[in-house]
Protein backbone atom coordinates (compact mmCIF):
# COMPACT_ATOMS: atom_id res chain seq x y z
CA MET A 1 6.24 3.79 -2.53
CA SER A 2 4.12 3.70 0.78
CA GLU A 3 0.23 3.32 0.53
CA LYS A 4 0.28 7.06 1.39
CA THR A 5 2.26 8.03 -1.51
CA VAL A 6 0.44 10.36 -3.82
CA GLN A 7 1.26 11.03 -7.17
CA CYS A 8 0.65 14.74 -8.21
CA ARG A 9 0.17 15.86 -11.66
CA GLU A 10 -0.05 18.98 -13.16
CA LEU A 11 -2.84 19.16 -16.02
CA GLY A 12 -2.31 22.91 -16.82
CA PHE A 13 -5.16 24.65 -18.82
CA MET A 14 -7.34 21.86 -19.90
CA ASP A 15 -11.06 21.34 -21.35
CA TYR A 16 -13.53 20.04 -18.42
CA ARG A 17 -14.33 17.06 -20.49
CA LYS A 18 -10.97 15.98 -20.99
CA ALA A 19 -10.05 16.37 -17.26
CA TRP A 20 -13.56 14.62 -16.21
CA ASP A 21 -12.53 11.60 -18.37
CA LEU A 22 -9.15 11.29 -17.12
CA GLN A 23 -10.56 11.39 -13.48
CA GLU A 24 -12.92 8.79 -14.56
CA THR A 25 -10.11 6.34 -15.80
CA LEU A 26 -8.09 6.80 -12.64
CA PHE A 27 -11.13 6.22 -10.23
CA ALA A 28 -12.20 3.16 -12.31
CA GLU A 29 -8.45 1.76 -12.23
CA THR A 30 -8.42 2.14 -8.66
CA ILE A 31 -11.76 0.41 -7.95
CA GLN A 32 -10.85 -2.29 -10.36
CA THR A 33 -7.44 -3.01 -8.40
CA LYS A 34 -9.43 -2.99 -4.91
CA ILE A 35 -12.30 -5.42 -6.57
CA GLN A 36 -9.19 -7.75 -7.84
CA ASN A 37 -7.71 -7.86 -4.58
CA ARG A 38 -10.90 -8.91 -2.85
CA ARG A 39 -11.81 -11.48 -5.50
CA THR A 40 -8.15 -13.15 -5.66
CA ASN A 41 -6.94 -12.27 -2.30
CA THR A 42 -3.92 -10.34 -3.48
CA VAL A 43 -2.59 -7.40 -2.08
CA ILE A 44 -1.79 -5.20 -5.17
CA GLN A 45 -1.27 -1.62 -3.75
CA THR A 46 -3.67 1.15 -5.06
CA THR A 47 -2.36 4.48 -6.54
CA ASN A 48 -3.51 7.85 -5.02
CA HIS A 49 -3.45 10.67 -7.25
CA LEU A 50 -3.82 14.70 -6.85
CA LEU A 51 -4.53 16.35 -10.14
CA PHE A 52 -4.07 20.10 -10.53
CA VAL A 53 -6.04 21.83 -13.38
CA GLU A 54 -7.24 25.19 -14.76
CA HIS A 55 -10.28 25.04 -16.91
CA PRO A 56 -11.98 27.18 -19.65
CA HIS A 57 -15.09 28.86 -18.38
CA VAL A 58 -17.48 26.00 -17.37
CA TYR A 59 -20.62 25.33 -15.13
CA THR A 60 -21.11 22.08 -13.66
CA LEU A 61 -24.04 20.93 -11.84
CA GLY A 62 -24.01 18.11 -9.15
CA LYS A 63 -26.45 15.11 -9.16
CA SER A 64 -28.48 16.67 -6.41
CA GLY A 65 -28.41 20.33 -7.99
CA ASP A 66 -31.25 22.11 -9.66
CA GLN A 67 -30.65 23.32 -13.24
CA GLN A 68 -32.51 26.42 -12.57
CA HIS A 69 -29.67 27.65 -10.40
CA LEU A 70 -27.99 28.23 -13.68
CA LEU A 71 -29.69 31.54 -14.84
CA ILE A 72 -28.70 31.73 -18.24
CA ASP A 73 -29.64 29.39 -21.45
CA GLN A 74 -27.41 27.61 -24.02
CA LYS A 75 -27.36 30.66 -26.16
CA GLN A 76 -26.39 33.00 -23.54
CA LEU A 77 -23.57 30.37 -22.44
CA ALA A 78 -22.29 30.51 -26.05
CA ALA A 79 -22.02 34.15 -25.97
CA ILE A 80 -19.89 34.23 -22.81
CA GLY A 81 -17.76 31.36 -23.90
CA ALA A 82 -18.96 28.89 -21.40
CA GLU A 83 -19.99 25.30 -21.38
CA PHE A 84 -22.14 23.38 -18.87
CA TYR A 85 -22.16 19.91 -17.48
CA LYS A 86 -24.33 17.98 -15.47
CA ILE A 87 -21.90 15.70 -13.60
CA ASN A 88 -21.92 12.95 -10.94
CA ARG A 89 -20.56 14.63 -7.75
CA GLY A 90 -22.21 16.03 -5.00
CA GLY A 91 -23.23 19.36 -4.41
CA ASP A 92 -25.35 21.98 -6.66
CA ILE A 93 -23.89 24.25 -9.28
CA THR A 94 -20.51 25.65 -9.38
CA TYR A 95 -18.40 27.49 -11.77
CA HIS A 96 -14.80 26.97 -12.92
CA GLY A 97 -12.65 29.19 -14.86
CA PRO A 98 -9.38 30.73 -15.65
CA GLY A 99 -7.39 32.09 -12.46
CA GLN A 100 -8.95 29.26 -10.46
CA ILE A 101 -7.15 26.53 -8.63
CA VAL A 102 -9.01 23.33 -9.35
CA GLY A 103 -7.73 20.04 -7.51
CA TYR A 104 -8.99 16.58 -7.92
CA PRO A 105 -7.66 14.35 -5.35
CA ILE A 106 -8.46 10.74 -6.45
CA LEU A 107 -7.44 8.81 -3.38
CA ASP A 108 -7.99 5.36 -1.99
CA LEU A 109 -9.22 6.40 1.57
CA GLU A 110 -8.55 2.90 2.72
CA ASN A 111 -4.86 4.25 2.65
CA PHE A 112 -5.53 6.92 4.81
CA PHE A 113 -8.88 6.34 6.89
CA THR A 114 -12.35 5.24 6.15
CA ASP A 115 -14.39 8.57 6.93
CA ILE A 116 -15.71 10.66 4.02
CA HIS A 117 -16.90 13.38 6.71
CA LYS A 118 -13.50 13.68 7.82
CA TYR A 119 -12.19 13.85 4.16
CA LEU A 120 -13.94 16.99 3.29
CA ARG A 121 -13.08 18.68 6.51
CA LEU A 122 -9.54 17.88 5.92
CA LEU A 123 -10.04 19.52 2.54
CA GLU A 124 -11.38 22.31 3.83
CA GLU A 125 -8.75 22.79 6.44
CA MET A 126 -6.02 22.78 3.83
CA ILE A 127 -7.63 25.95 2.26
CA ILE A 128 -8.44 27.49 5.58
CA LEU A 129 -4.60 27.32 6.37
CA THR A 130 -3.35 28.29 3.20
CA LEU A 131 -5.59 31.45 3.24
CA ALA A 132 -4.10 32.04 6.51
CA ASP A 133 -0.91 32.14 4.94
CA TYR A 134 -1.87 35.10 3.37
CA GLY A 135 -3.61 36.81 6.58
CA ILE A 136 -7.10 35.83 5.80
CA LYS A 137 -9.42 34.24 8.31
CA ALA A 138 -11.42 31.60 6.69
CA GLU A 139 -13.75 29.17 8.03
CA ARG A 140 -16.67 26.66 7.80
CA SER A 141 -20.16 27.45 7.42
CA HIS A 142 -22.37 24.99 9.20
CA GLY A 143 -24.40 22.84 6.62
CA GLU A 144 -22.74 24.31 3.81
CA THR A 145 -19.50 22.49 2.52
CA GLY A 146 -16.63 24.82 1.28
CA VAL A 147 -14.60 27.54 2.88
CA TRP A 148 -16.13 30.94 3.68
CA LEU A 149 -15.38 34.62 5.05
CA ASP A 150 -17.13 36.59 7.39
CA VAL A 151 -19.58 33.53 8.33
CA GLY A 152 -22.72 34.68 10.25
CA THR A 153 -22.55 38.28 9.03
CA PRO A 154 -24.29 40.09 6.28
CA PHE A 155 -20.88 40.06 4.32
CA ALA A 156 -20.64 35.99 4.08
CA ARG A 157 -18.77 35.10 1.19
CA LYS A 158 -17.54 31.92 -0.37
CA ILE A 159 -13.98 31.48 -1.66
CA CYS A 160 -13.66 27.81 -2.20
CA ALA A 161 -16.07 25.27 -3.46
CA MET A 162 -16.17 21.76 -2.88
CA GLY A 163 -18.16 18.86 -4.41
CA VAL A 164 -16.86 14.93 -4.09
CA ARG A 165 -17.96 11.27 -5.35
CA ALA A 166 -16.88 8.35 -3.56
CA SER A 167 -17.44 4.80 -4.02
CA ARG A 168 -15.69 1.68 -2.28
CA TRP A 169 -13.62 4.48 -0.43
CA VAL A 170 -12.22 6.01 -3.41
CA THR A 171 -12.73 9.64 -4.18
CA MET A 172 -12.90 12.01 -7.14
CA HIS A 173 -13.98 15.55 -7.97
CA GLY A 174 -12.85 17.92 -5.24
CA PHE A 175 -12.28 21.49 -4.74
CA ALA A 176 -12.16 24.79 -6.59
CA LEU A 177 -10.18 27.85 -4.88
CA ASN A 178 -10.68 31.28 -6.47
CA VAL A 179 -7.52 32.93 -6.59
CA ASN A 180 -7.45 35.31 -9.98
CA THR A 181 -10.80 34.26 -11.05
CA ASP A 182 -13.17 36.72 -12.83
CA LEU A 183 -16.07 37.10 -10.34
CA GLY A 184 -18.55 38.14 -13.18
CA TYR A 185 -19.12 34.69 -14.29
CA PHE A 186 -20.62 33.83 -10.81
CA ASP A 187 -23.65 36.42 -11.78
CA HIS A 188 -25.04 33.79 -14.16
CA MET A 189 -25.84 31.38 -11.32
CA ILE A 190 -26.95 30.80 -7.75
CA PRO A 191 -23.65 29.53 -6.24
CA CYS A 192 -23.70 26.12 -4.79
CA GLY A 193 -27.66 26.78 -4.73
CA ILE A 194 -27.46 29.16 -2.00
CA ARG A 195 -29.21 32.53 -2.31
CA GLY A 196 -28.14 35.78 -0.78
CA LYS A 197 -24.44 35.00 -0.43
CA SER A 198 -21.66 36.31 -2.73
CA VAL A 199 -18.40 34.91 -3.73
CA THR A 200 -14.78 36.33 -3.40
CA SER A 201 -11.17 35.49 -4.46
CA LEU A 202 -7.82 35.54 -2.94
CA ARG A 203 -7.06 38.72 -5.26
CA VAL A 204 -10.02 40.75 -4.01
CA GLU A 205 -9.19 39.83 -0.48
CA LEU A 206 -5.66 40.90 -0.68
CA GLY A 207 -6.43 43.70 -2.90
CA LYS A 208 -3.82 42.69 -5.54
CA GLU A 209 -3.88 42.75 -9.38
CA GLN A 210 -2.84 39.48 -9.33
CA VAL A 211 -1.57 36.63 -6.99
CA ASN A 212 0.84 34.00 -7.69
CA VAL A 213 -1.14 30.77 -8.39
CA GLU A 214 2.00 28.66 -8.42
CA GLU A 215 2.73 29.88 -5.01
CA VAL A 216 -0.70 29.47 -3.63
CA LYS A 217 -0.38 25.81 -5.21
CA GLU A 218 2.65 24.92 -3.47
CA ARG A 219 1.02 26.00 -0.05
CA LEU A 220 -1.70 23.78 -0.80
CA LYS A 221 0.51 21.01 -1.51
CA GLY A 222 2.46 21.61 1.98
CA HIS A 223 -0.70 21.64 3.93
CA PHE A 224 -2.34 18.52 2.17
CA THR A 225 0.85 16.28 2.94
CA GLN A 226 0.69 17.40 6.49
CA LEU A 227 -2.88 16.89 7.05
CA PHE A 228 -3.27 13.45 5.14
CA GLU A 229 0.34 12.64 6.32
CA ALA A 230 1.14 11.96 2.80
CA GLN A 231 3.95 12.07 0.41
CA LEU A 232 3.47 13.93 -2.86
CA VAL A 233 5.44 12.69 -5.51
CA ALA A 234 5.52 14.08 -9.13
CA TYR A 235 3.58 12.27 -11.65
CA LEU A 236 5.54 9.57 -13.62
CA PRO A 237 4.06 8.89 -17.29
CA ARG A 238 3.26 5.11 -17.91
CA ASP A 239 5.44 3.45 -20.58
């Protein structure tokens, strides 16, 4: 396999903590391989991963976020069946839940390019191109990571949140694209800490009862492979 081969893994419906632990394991393994290569002057190839998952209701707060942006307490969280985690990605508060496509690329960027800014812009471009496939014009909002609609108007709304962590050019965490998401859960937070702007979903924008999540995912994969010049292969369980 080439250094730009990416193992694509479908995690299905998984608890946030369990998925986070898996990310941490893969992240640490990749970093350890790189440290070993430098210490012993070896060339063991690192493995790139792309995890797709759907989470139960959960709010996560990035390391630079403000917990006051979560507008409900622990008792109220329990009442709506949601959890809350402080985590080690960048960014502020976000929500994950059913009907949302969450992607966690765990890439050794030294296999691709060493530029975190470029990495984030390519993730955004992947979402923008996918939405364009559905006839939706999406764009970036200056100074606000993620993907938005109607930027610069009173109707600006976010459709995809992003937050990443990187160390030794290895990435984790990623993006959350609202497809069939229950947007009511965003009422309990100030999305990404940005006041006065709303959120939306692909289902709402298309005016459909449901959007085929697997179809959207396949389009995301196609744009990912083109933008990163990567080859996606199905995850092969270890012996």
